[in-house]
Amino acid sequence: MGGGGPYVSSTSKGAIAEYNHYNPSGPTPSVYQVKYRPGRNYTINPTPKSYTTGNIPLAADTLTTKSVRSPGTLNTIIRNNSLKKLKKLN
């Protein structure tokens, strides 16, 4: 999705699907449980058909949309520097 911040997924499966799509030959990703303050959230609907580079010009702390690689999963970009890792899940 792009957008200028850390990228998180609502499920481990979704996070791994996104990572594998952009890093097909990469190492096995680490998956973490995280916490963040959503602040002002903007839901992008319909879901973008392609990845966007750079900042998305919306006045929002977080941007959320449905995953195209893992149905039922939401992807969020956190732009307000509130991301905290809680624990490693794998």
PDB file of N, CA and C in Angstrom:
ATOM      1  N   MET A   1       0.820  -1.184   0.000  1.00  0.00           N
ATOM      2  CA  MET A   1       0.000   0.000   0.000  1.00  0.00           C
ATOM      3  C   MET A   1       0.869   1.254   0.000  1.00  0.00           C
ATOM      4  N   GLY A   2       2.043   1.238   0.628  1.00  0.00           N
ATOM      5  CA  GLY A   2       2.855   2.450   0.720  1.00  0.00           C
ATOM      6  C   GLY A   2       2.278   3.395   1.763  1.00  0.00           C
ATOM      7  N   GLY A   3       2.767   4.606   1.857  1.00  0.00           N
ATOM      8  CA  GLY A   3       2.100   5.562   2.704  1.00  0.00           C
ATOM      9  C   GLY A   3       2.906   6.207   3.795  1.00  0.00           C
ATOM     10  N   GLY A   4       4.166   5.842   3.999  1.00  0.00           N
ATOM     11  CA  GLY A   4       5.009   6.586   4.908  1.00  0.00           C
ATOM     12  C   GLY A   4       4.982   6.171   6.363  1.00  0.00           C
ATOM     13  N   GLY A   5       5.018   4.881   6.662  1.00  0.00           N
ATOM     14  CA  GLY A   5       5.098   4.435   8.044  1.00  0.00           C
ATOM     15  C   GLY A   5       5.178   2.933   8.128  1.00  0.00           C
ATOM     16  N   PRO A   6       5.369   2.396   9.340  1.00  0.00           N
ATOM     17  CA  PRO A   6       5.389   0.942   9.510  1.00  0.00           C
ATOM     18  C   PRO A   6       4.070   0.326   9.047  1.00  0.00           C
ATOM     19  N   TYR A   7       4.163  -0.850   8.525  1.00  0.00           N
ATOM     20  CA  TYR A   7       3.046  -1.554   7.909  1.00  0.00           C
ATOM     21  C   TYR A   7       2.709  -2.752   8.780  1.00  0.00           C
ATOM     22  N   VAL A   8       1.473  -2.862   9.250  1.00  0.00           N
ATOM     23  CA  VAL A   8       1.071  -3.992  10.090  1.00  0.00           C
ATOM     24  C   VAL A   8      -0.159  -4.666   9.488  1.00  0.00           C
ATOM     25  N   SER A   9      -0.382  -5.894   9.926  1.00  0.00           N
ATOM     26  CA  SER A   9      -1.521  -6.670   9.450  1.00  0.00           C
ATOM     27  C   SER A   9      -2.321  -7.143  10.656  1.00  0.00           C
ATOM     28  N   SER A  10      -3.613  -7.398  10.447  1.00  0.00           N
ATOM     29  CA  SER A  10      -4.465  -7.831  11.562  1.00  0.00           C
ATOM     30  C   SER A  10      -4.291  -9.320  11.886  1.00  0.00           C
ATOM     31  N   THR A  11      -3.565 -10.064  11.046  1.00  0.00           N
ATOM     32  CA  THR A  11      -3.307 -11.487  11.318  1.00  0.00           C
ATOM     33  C   THR A  11      -1.860 -11.827  10.976  1.00  0.00           C
ATOM     34  N   SER A  12      -1.324 -12.839  11.636  1.00  0.00           N
ATOM     35  CA  SER A  12       0.024 -13.326  11.305  1.00  0.00           C
ATOM     36  C   SER A  12       0.065 -13.807   9.868  1.00  0.00           C
ATOM     37  N   LYS A  13      -0.965 -14.524   9.445  1.00  0.00           N
ATOM     38  CA  LYS A  13      -1.039 -15.043   8.084  1.00  0.00           C
ATOM     39  C   LYS A  13      -0.968 -13.900   7.070  1.00  0.00           C
ATOM     40  N   GLY A  14      -1.690 -12.826   7.337  1.00  0.00           N
ATOM     41  CA  GLY A  14      -1.667 -11.668   6.447  1.00  0.00           C
ATOM     42  C   GLY A  14      -0.302 -11.011   6.392  1.00  0.00           C
ATOM     43  N   ALA A  15       0.357 -10.878   7.535  1.00  0.00           N
ATOM     44  CA  ALA A  15       1.686 -10.269   7.580  1.00  0.00           C
ATOM     45  C   ALA A  15       2.678 -11.100   6.768  1.00  0.00           C
ATOM     46  N   ILE A  16       2.623 -12.405   6.924  1.00  0.00           N
ATOM     47  CA  ILE A  16       3.538 -13.288   6.192  1.00  0.00           C
ATOM     48  C   ILE A  16       3.235 -13.248   4.690  1.00  0.00           C
ATOM     49  N   ALA A  17       1.946 -13.213   4.317  1.00  0.00           N
ATOM     50  CA  ALA A  17       1.577 -13.147   2.895  1.00  0.00           C
ATOM     51  C   ALA A  17       2.116 -11.874   2.258  1.00  0.00           C
ATOM     52  N   GLU A  18       2.004 -10.741   2.943  1.00  0.00           N
ATOM     53  CA  GLU A  18       2.522  -9.478   2.413  1.00  0.00           C
ATOM     54  C   GLU A  18       4.038  -9.539   2.273  1.00  0.00           C
ATOM     55  N   TYR A  19       4.707 -10.019   3.311  1.00  0.00           N
ATOM     56  CA  TYR A  19       6.170 -10.109   3.279  1.00  0.00           C
ATOM     57  C   TYR A  19       6.615 -10.994   2.116  1.00  0.00           C
ATOM     58  N   ASN A  20       6.001 -12.176   1.999  1.00  0.00           N
ATOM     59  CA  ASN A  20       6.406 -13.109   0.951  1.00  0.00           C
ATOM     60  C   ASN A  20       6.147 -12.561  -0.448  1.00  0.00           C
ATOM     61  N   HIS A  21       5.118 -11.770  -0.608  1.00  0.00           N
ATOM     62  CA  HIS A  21       4.836 -11.179  -1.917  1.00  0.00           C
ATOM     63  C   HIS A  21       5.965 -10.242  -2.355  1.00  0.00           C
ATOM     64  N   TYR A  22       6.464  -9.444  -1.435  1.00  0.00           N
ATOM     65  CA  TYR A  22       7.505  -8.472  -1.764  1.00  0.00           C
ATOM     66  C   TYR A  22       8.919  -8.995  -1.563  1.00  0.00           C
ATOM     67  N   ASN A  23       9.062 -10.140  -0.914  1.00  0.00           N
ATOM     68  CA  ASN A  23      10.370 -10.748  -0.656  1.00  0.00           C
ATOM     69  C   ASN A  23      10.309 -12.243  -0.951  1.00  0.00           C
ATOM     70  N   PRO A  24      10.022 -12.641  -2.197  1.00  0.00           N
ATOM     71  CA  PRO A  24       9.803 -14.058  -2.492  1.00  0.00           C
ATOM     72  C   PRO A  24      11.006 -14.954  -2.195  1.00  0.00           C
ATOM     73  N   SER A  25      12.204 -14.416  -2.249  1.00  0.00           N
ATOM     74  CA  SER A  25      13.401 -15.216  -1.967  1.00  0.00           C
ATOM     75  C   SER A  25      14.013 -14.866  -0.620  1.00  0.00           C
ATOM     76  N   GLY A  26      13.289 -14.074   0.165  1.00  0.00           N
ATOM     77  CA  GLY A  26      13.833 -13.613   1.442  1.00  0.00           C
ATOM     78  C   GLY A  26      13.780 -14.676   2.521  1.00  0.00           C
ATOM     79  N   PRO A  27      14.413 -14.389   3.638  1.00  0.00           N
ATOM     80  CA  PRO A  27      14.374 -15.321   4.770  1.00  0.00           C
ATOM     81  C   PRO A  27      12.978 -15.383   5.388  1.00  0.00           C
ATOM     82  N   THR A  28      12.742 -16.366   6.211  1.00  0.00           N
ATOM     83  CA  THR A  28      11.469 -16.471   6.920  1.00  0.00           C
ATOM     84  C   THR A  28      11.293 -15.228   7.793  1.00  0.00           C
ATOM     85  N   PRO A  29      10.162 -14.551   7.673  1.00  0.00           N
ATOM     86  CA  PRO A  29       9.986 -13.312   8.442  1.00  0.00           C
ATOM     87  C   PRO A  29       9.692 -13.585   9.912  1.00  0.00           C
ATOM     88  N   SER A  30      10.091 -12.656  10.752  1.00  0.00           N
ATOM     89  CA  SER A  30       9.677 -12.665  12.152  1.00  0.00           C
ATOM     90  C   SER A  30       8.341 -11.953  12.243  1.00  0.00           C
ATOM     91  N   VAL A  31       7.446 -12.488  13.056  1.00  0.00           N
ATOM     92  CA  VAL A  31       6.131 -11.883  13.240  1.00  0.00           C
ATOM     93  C   VAL A  31       5.998 -11.469  14.699  1.00  0.00           C
ATOM     94  N   TYR A  32       5.568 -10.224  14.925  1.00  0.00           N
ATOM     95  CA  TYR A  32       5.445  -9.682  16.271  1.00  0.00           C
ATOM     96  C   TYR A  32       4.014  -9.253  16.548  1.00  0.00           C
ATOM     97  N   GLN A  33       3.606  -9.417  17.786  1.00  0.00           N
ATOM     98  CA  GLN A  33       2.380  -8.778  18.248  1.00  0.00           C
ATOM     99  C   GLN A  33       2.768  -7.347  18.574  1.00  0.00           C
ATOM    100  N   VAL A  34       1.955  -6.393  18.131  1.00  0.00           N
ATOM    101  CA  VAL A  34       2.281  -4.984  18.343  1.00  0.00           C
ATOM    102  C   VAL A  34       1.098  -4.249  18.949  1.00  0.00           C
ATOM    103  N   LYS A  35       1.395  -3.056  19.407  1.00  0.00           N
ATOM    104  CA  LYS A  35       0.369  -2.159  19.949  1.00  0.00           C
ATOM    105  C   LYS A  35       0.643  -0.787  19.350  1.00  0.00           C
ATOM    106  N   TYR A  36      -0.435  -0.066  19.046  1.00  0.00           N
ATOM    107  CA  TYR A  36      -0.286   1.293  18.540  1.00  0.00           C
ATOM    108  C   TYR A  36      -1.560   2.072  18.819  1.00  0.00           C
ATOM    109  N   ARG A  37      -1.443   3.390  18.783  1.00  0.00           N
ATOM    110  CA  ARG A  37      -2.603   4.273  18.925  1.00  0.00           C
ATOM    111  C   ARG A  37      -3.136   4.579  17.534  1.00  0.00           C
ATOM    112  N   PRO A  38      -4.348   4.161  17.207  1.00  0.00           N
ATOM    113  CA  PRO A  38      -4.847   4.425  15.866  1.00  0.00           C
ATOM    114  C   PRO A  38      -5.051   5.912  15.571  1.00  0.00           C
ATOM    115  N   GLY A  39      -5.337   6.702  16.601  1.00  0.00           N
ATOM    116  CA  GLY A  39      -5.583   8.123  16.354  1.00  0.00           C
ATOM    117  C   GLY A  39      -6.671   8.297  15.305  1.00  0.00           C
ATOM    118  N   ARG A  40      -6.490   9.259  14.440  1.00  0.00           N
ATOM    119  CA  ARG A  40      -7.439   9.475  13.337  1.00  0.00           C
ATOM    120  C   ARG A  40      -7.120   8.455  12.244  1.00  0.00           C
ATOM    121  N   ASN A  41      -8.050   7.530  12.010  1.00  0.00           N
ATOM    122  CA  ASN A  41      -7.848   6.478  11.009  1.00  0.00           C
ATOM    123  C   ASN A  41      -8.644   6.800   9.757  1.00  0.00           C
ATOM    124  N   TYR A  42      -8.020   6.534   8.615  1.00  0.00           N
ATOM    125  CA  TYR A  42      -8.705   6.667   7.337  1.00  0.00           C
ATOM    126  C   TYR A  42      -8.755   5.284   6.704  1.00  0.00           C
ATOM    127  N   THR A  43      -9.963   4.813   6.379  1.00  0.00           N
ATOM    128  CA  THR A  43     -10.124   3.526   5.707  1.00  0.00           C
ATOM    129  C   THR A  43     -10.132   3.770   4.210  1.00  0.00           C
ATOM    130  N   ILE A  44      -9.214   3.112   3.522  1.00  0.00           N
ATOM    131  CA  ILE A  44      -9.109   3.250   2.070  1.00  0.00           C
ATOM    132  C   ILE A  44     -10.012   2.198   1.440  1.00  0.00           C
ATOM    133  N   ASN A  45     -11.068   2.678   0.771  1.00  0.00           N
ATOM    134  CA  ASN A  45     -12.032   1.782   0.162  1.00  0.00           C
ATOM    135  C   ASN A  45     -12.510   2.428  -1.134  1.00  0.00           C
ATOM    136  N   PRO A  46     -12.346   1.757  -2.262  1.00  0.00           N
ATOM    137  CA  PRO A  46     -11.925   0.371  -2.412  1.00  0.00           C
ATOM    138  C   PRO A  46     -10.424   0.200  -2.193  1.00  0.00           C
ATOM    139  N   THR A  47     -10.035  -1.046  -1.974  1.00  0.00           N
ATOM    140  CA  THR A  47      -8.632  -1.387  -1.757  1.00  0.00           C
ATOM    141  C   THR A  47      -7.813  -1.035  -2.997  1.00  0.00           C
ATOM    142  N   PRO A  48      -6.626  -0.413  -2.812  1.00  0.00           N
ATOM    143  CA  PRO A  48      -5.774  -0.111  -3.966  1.00  0.00           C
ATOM    144  C   PRO A  48      -5.383  -1.393  -4.706  1.00  0.00           C
ATOM    145  N   LYS A  49      -5.291  -1.312  -6.010  1.00  0.00           N
ATOM    146  CA  LYS A  49      -4.924  -2.477  -6.821  1.00  0.00           C
ATOM    147  C   LYS A  49      -3.422  -2.675  -6.898  1.00  0.00           C
ATOM    148  N   SER A  50      -2.637  -1.657  -6.527  1.00  0.00           N
ATOM    149  CA  SER A  50      -1.185  -1.782  -6.593  1.00  0.00           C
ATOM    150  C   SER A  50      -0.545  -1.028  -5.427  1.00  0.00           C
ATOM    151  N   TYR A  51       0.717  -1.334  -5.225  1.00  0.00           N
ATOM    152  CA  TYR A  51       1.496  -0.708  -4.164  1.00  0.00           C
ATOM    153  C   TYR A  51       1.825   0.729  -4.550  1.00  0.00           C
ATOM    154  N   THR A  52       1.776   1.623  -3.600  1.00  0.00           N
ATOM    155  CA  THR A  52       2.099   3.027  -3.817  1.00  0.00           C
ATOM    156  C   THR A  52       3.369   3.354  -3.060  1.00  0.00           C
ATOM    157  N   THR A  53       4.290   4.055  -3.683  1.00  0.00           N
ATOM    158  CA  THR A  53       5.496   4.462  -2.978  1.00  0.00           C
ATOM    159  C   THR A  53       5.341   5.893  -2.503  1.00  0.00           C
ATOM    160  N   GLY A  54       6.017   6.216  -1.421  1.00  0.00           N
ATOM    161  CA  GLY A  54       5.952   7.566  -0.888  1.00  0.00           C
ATOM    162  C   GLY A  54       4.741   7.779   0.002  1.00  0.00           C
ATOM    163  N   ASN A  55       4.614   8.984   0.485  1.00  0.00           N
ATOM    164  CA  ASN A  55       3.518   9.319   1.398  1.00  0.00           C
ATOM    165  C   ASN A  55       2.197   9.445   0.659  1.00  0.00           C
ATOM    166  N   ILE A  56       1.136   8.958   1.282  1.00  0.00           N
ATOM    167  CA  ILE A  56      -0.211   9.149   0.778  1.00  0.00           C
ATOM    168  C   ILE A  56      -0.722  10.432   1.433  1.00  0.00           C
ATOM    169  N   PRO A  57      -1.127  11.430   0.660  1.00  0.00           N
ATOM    170  CA  PRO A  57      -1.457  12.746   1.224  1.00  0.00           C
ATOM    171  C   PRO A  57      -2.843  12.804   1.875  1.00  0.00           C
ATOM    172  N   LEU A  58      -2.980  12.151   3.002  1.00  0.00           N
ATOM    173  CA  LEU A  58      -4.222  12.189   3.768  1.00  0.00           C
ATOM    174  C   LEU A  58      -3.885  12.610   5.187  1.00  0.00           C
ATOM    175  N   ALA A  59      -4.720  13.422   5.799  1.00  0.00           N
ATOM    176  CA  ALA A  59      -4.496  13.879   7.164  1.00  0.00           C
ATOM    177  C   ALA A  59      -5.022  12.827   8.130  1.00  0.00           C
ATOM    178  N   ALA A  60      -4.255  11.750   8.275  1.00  0.00           N
ATOM    179  CA  ALA A  60      -4.662  10.652   9.158  1.00  0.00           C
ATOM    180  C   ALA A  60      -3.434  10.086   9.851  1.00  0.00           C
ATOM    181  N   ASP A  61      -3.634   9.580  11.079  1.00  0.00           N
ATOM    182  CA  ASP A  61      -2.552   8.942  11.825  1.00  0.00           C
ATOM    183  C   ASP A  61      -2.305   7.522  11.333  1.00  0.00           C
ATOM    184  N   THR A  62      -3.374   6.851  10.905  1.00  0.00           N
ATOM    185  CA  THR A  62      -3.283   5.486  10.401  1.00  0.00           C
ATOM    186  C   THR A  62      -4.154   5.351   9.157  1.00  0.00           C
ATOM    187  N   LEU A  63      -3.716   4.493   8.246  1.00  0.00           N
ATOM    188  CA  LEU A  63      -4.447   4.205   7.016  1.00  0.00           C
ATOM    189  C   LEU A  63      -4.712   2.709   6.978  1.00  0.00           C
ATOM    190  N   THR A  64      -5.947   2.303   6.746  1.00  0.00           N
ATOM    191  CA  THR A  64      -6.306   0.884   6.778  1.00  0.00           C
ATOM    192  C   THR A  64      -7.050   0.505   5.505  1.00  0.00           C
ATOM    193  N   THR A  65      -6.751  -0.701   5.005  1.00  0.00           N
ATOM    194  CA  THR A  65      -7.478  -1.244   3.863  1.00  0.00           C
ATOM    195  C   THR A  65      -7.466  -2.764   3.933  1.00  0.00           C
ATOM    196  N   LYS A  66      -8.341  -3.402   3.162  1.00  0.00           N
ATOM    197  CA  LYS A  66      -8.394  -4.862   3.114  1.00  0.00           C
ATOM    198  C   LYS A  66      -7.172  -5.383   2.366  1.00  0.00           C
ATOM    199  N   SER A  67      -6.685  -6.540   2.795  1.00  0.00           N
ATOM    200  CA  SER A  67      -5.564  -7.186   2.126  1.00  0.00           C
ATOM    201  C   SER A  67      -6.023  -7.821   0.828  1.00  0.00           C
ATOM    202  N   VAL A  68      -5.209  -7.688  -0.222  1.00  0.00           N
ATOM    203  CA  VAL A  68      -5.509  -8.383  -1.479  1.00  0.00           C
ATOM    204  C   VAL A  68      -4.865  -9.760  -1.506  1.00  0.00           C
ATOM    205  N   ARG A  69      -3.953 -10.044  -0.575  1.00  0.00           N
ATOM    206  CA  ARG A  69      -3.258 -11.323  -0.537  1.00  0.00           C
ATOM    207  C   ARG A  69      -3.762 -12.280   0.531  1.00  0.00           C
ATOM    208  N   SER A  70      -4.538 -11.780   1.470  1.00  0.00           N
ATOM    209  CA  SER A  70      -5.040 -12.611   2.560  1.00  0.00           C
ATOM    210  C   SER A  70      -6.468 -12.166   2.897  1.00  0.00           C
ATOM    211  N   PRO A  71      -7.464 -12.733   2.202  1.00  0.00           N
ATOM    212  CA  PRO A  71      -8.857 -12.330   2.427  1.00  0.00           C
ATOM    213  C   PRO A  71      -9.247 -12.364   3.908  1.00  0.00           C
ATOM    214  N   GLY A  72      -9.985 -11.363   4.337  1.00  0.00           N
ATOM    215  CA  GLY A  72     -10.415 -11.271   5.726  1.00  0.00           C
ATOM    216  C   GLY A  72      -9.420 -10.561   6.621  1.00  0.00           C
ATOM    217  N   THR A  73      -8.282 -10.148   6.062  1.00  0.00           N
ATOM    218  CA  THR A  73      -7.228  -9.484   6.812  1.00  0.00           C
ATOM    219  C   THR A  73      -7.218  -7.999   6.480  1.00  0.00           C
ATOM    220  N   LEU A  74      -6.906  -7.170   7.467  1.00  0.00           N
ATOM    221  CA  LEU A  74      -6.758  -5.729   7.253  1.00  0.00           C
ATOM    222  C   LEU A  74      -5.287  -5.350   7.375  1.00  0.00           C
ATOM    223  N   ASN A  75      -4.843  -4.447   6.536  1.00  0.00           N
ATOM    224  CA  ASN A  75      -3.487  -3.910   6.593  1.00  0.00           C
ATOM    225  C   ASN A  75      -3.563  -2.448   6.999  1.00  0.00           C
ATOM    226  N   THR A  76      -2.658  -2.046   7.877  1.00  0.00           N
ATOM    227  CA  THR A  76      -2.652  -0.675   8.384  1.00  0.00           C
ATOM    228  C   THR A  76      -1.248  -0.096   8.322  1.00  0.00           C
ATOM    229  N   ILE A  77      -1.163   1.149   7.895  1.00  0.00           N
ATOM    230  CA  ILE A  77       0.079   1.913   7.955  1.00  0.00           C
ATOM    231  C   ILE A  77      -0.038   2.846   9.149  1.00  0.00           C
ATOM    232  N   ILE A  78       0.971   2.817  10.010  1.00  0.00           N
ATOM    233  CA  ILE A  78       0.972   3.632  11.229  1.00  0.00           C
ATOM    234  C   ILE A  78       1.901   4.818  10.995  1.00  0.00           C
ATOM    235  N   ARG A  79       1.331   6.009  10.938  1.00  0.00           N
ATOM    236  CA  ARG A  79       2.111   7.202  10.605  1.00  0.00           C
ATOM    237  C   ARG A  79       2.341   8.119  11.795  1.00  0.00           C
ATOM    238  N   ASN A  80       1.892   7.743  12.990  1.00  0.00           N
ATOM    239  CA  ASN A  80       2.002   8.636  14.148  1.00  0.00           C
ATOM    240  C   ASN A  80       3.075   8.207  15.153  1.00  0.00           C
ATOM    241  N   ASN A  81       3.993   7.344  14.724  1.00  0.00           N
ATOM    242  CA  ASN A  81       5.135   6.923  15.562  1.00  0.00           C
ATOM    243  C   ASN A  81       4.727   6.267  16.876  1.00  0.00           C
ATOM    244  N   SER A  82       3.571   5.609  16.930  1.00  0.00           N
ATOM    245  CA  SER A  82       3.116   5.015  18.187  1.00  0.00           C
ATOM    246  C   SER A  82       3.321   3.501  18.265  1.00  0.00           C
ATOM    247  N   LEU A  83       3.938   2.890  17.254  1.00  0.00           N
ATOM    248  CA  LEU A  83       4.120   1.439  17.211  1.00  0.00           C
ATOM    249  C   LEU A  83       5.059   0.954  18.313  1.00  0.00           C
ATOM    250  N   LYS A  84       4.622  -0.077  19.034  1.00  0.00           N
ATOM    251  CA  LYS A  84       5.443  -0.730  20.069  1.00  0.00           C
ATOM    252  C   LYS A  84       5.366  -2.241  19.847  1.00  0.00           C
ATOM    253  N   LYS A  85       6.511  -2.903  19.785  1.00  0.00           N
ATOM    254  CA  LYS A  85       6.530  -4.363  19.700  1.00  0.00           C
ATOM    255  C   LYS A  85       6.253  -4.916  21.092  1.00  0.00           C
ATOM    256  N   LEU A  86       5.322  -5.893  21.179  1.00  0.00           N
ATOM    257  CA  LEU A  86       5.004  -6.504  22.470  1.00  0.00           C
ATOM    258  C   LEU A  86       5.703  -7.848  22.645  1.00  0.00           C
ATOM    259  N   LYS A  87       5.570  -8.730  21.645  1.00  0.00           N
ATOM    260  CA  LYS A  87       6.261 -10.025  21.740  1.00  0.00           C
ATOM    261  C   LYS A  87       6.374 -10.674  20.366  1.00  0.00           C
ATOM    262  N   LYS A  88       7.413 -11.503  20.236  1.00  0.00           N
ATOM    263  CA  LYS A  88       7.610 -12.243  19.010  1.00  0.00           C
ATOM    264  C   LYS A  88       6.674 -13.445  19.001  1.00  0.00           C
ATOM    265  N   LEU A  89       5.993 -13.682  17.876  1.00  0.00           N
ATOM    266  CA  LEU A  89       5.007 -14.753  17.803  1.00  0.00           C
ATOM    267  C   LEU A  89       5.538 -16.028  17.137  1.00  0.00           C
ATOM    268  N   ASN A  90       6.676 -15.950  16.475  1.00  0.00           N
ATOM    269  CA  ASN A  90       7.222 -17.155  15.833  1.00  0.00           C
ATOM    270  C   ASN A  90       8.694 -17.298  16.079  1.00  0.00           C
TER     271      ASN A  90
END
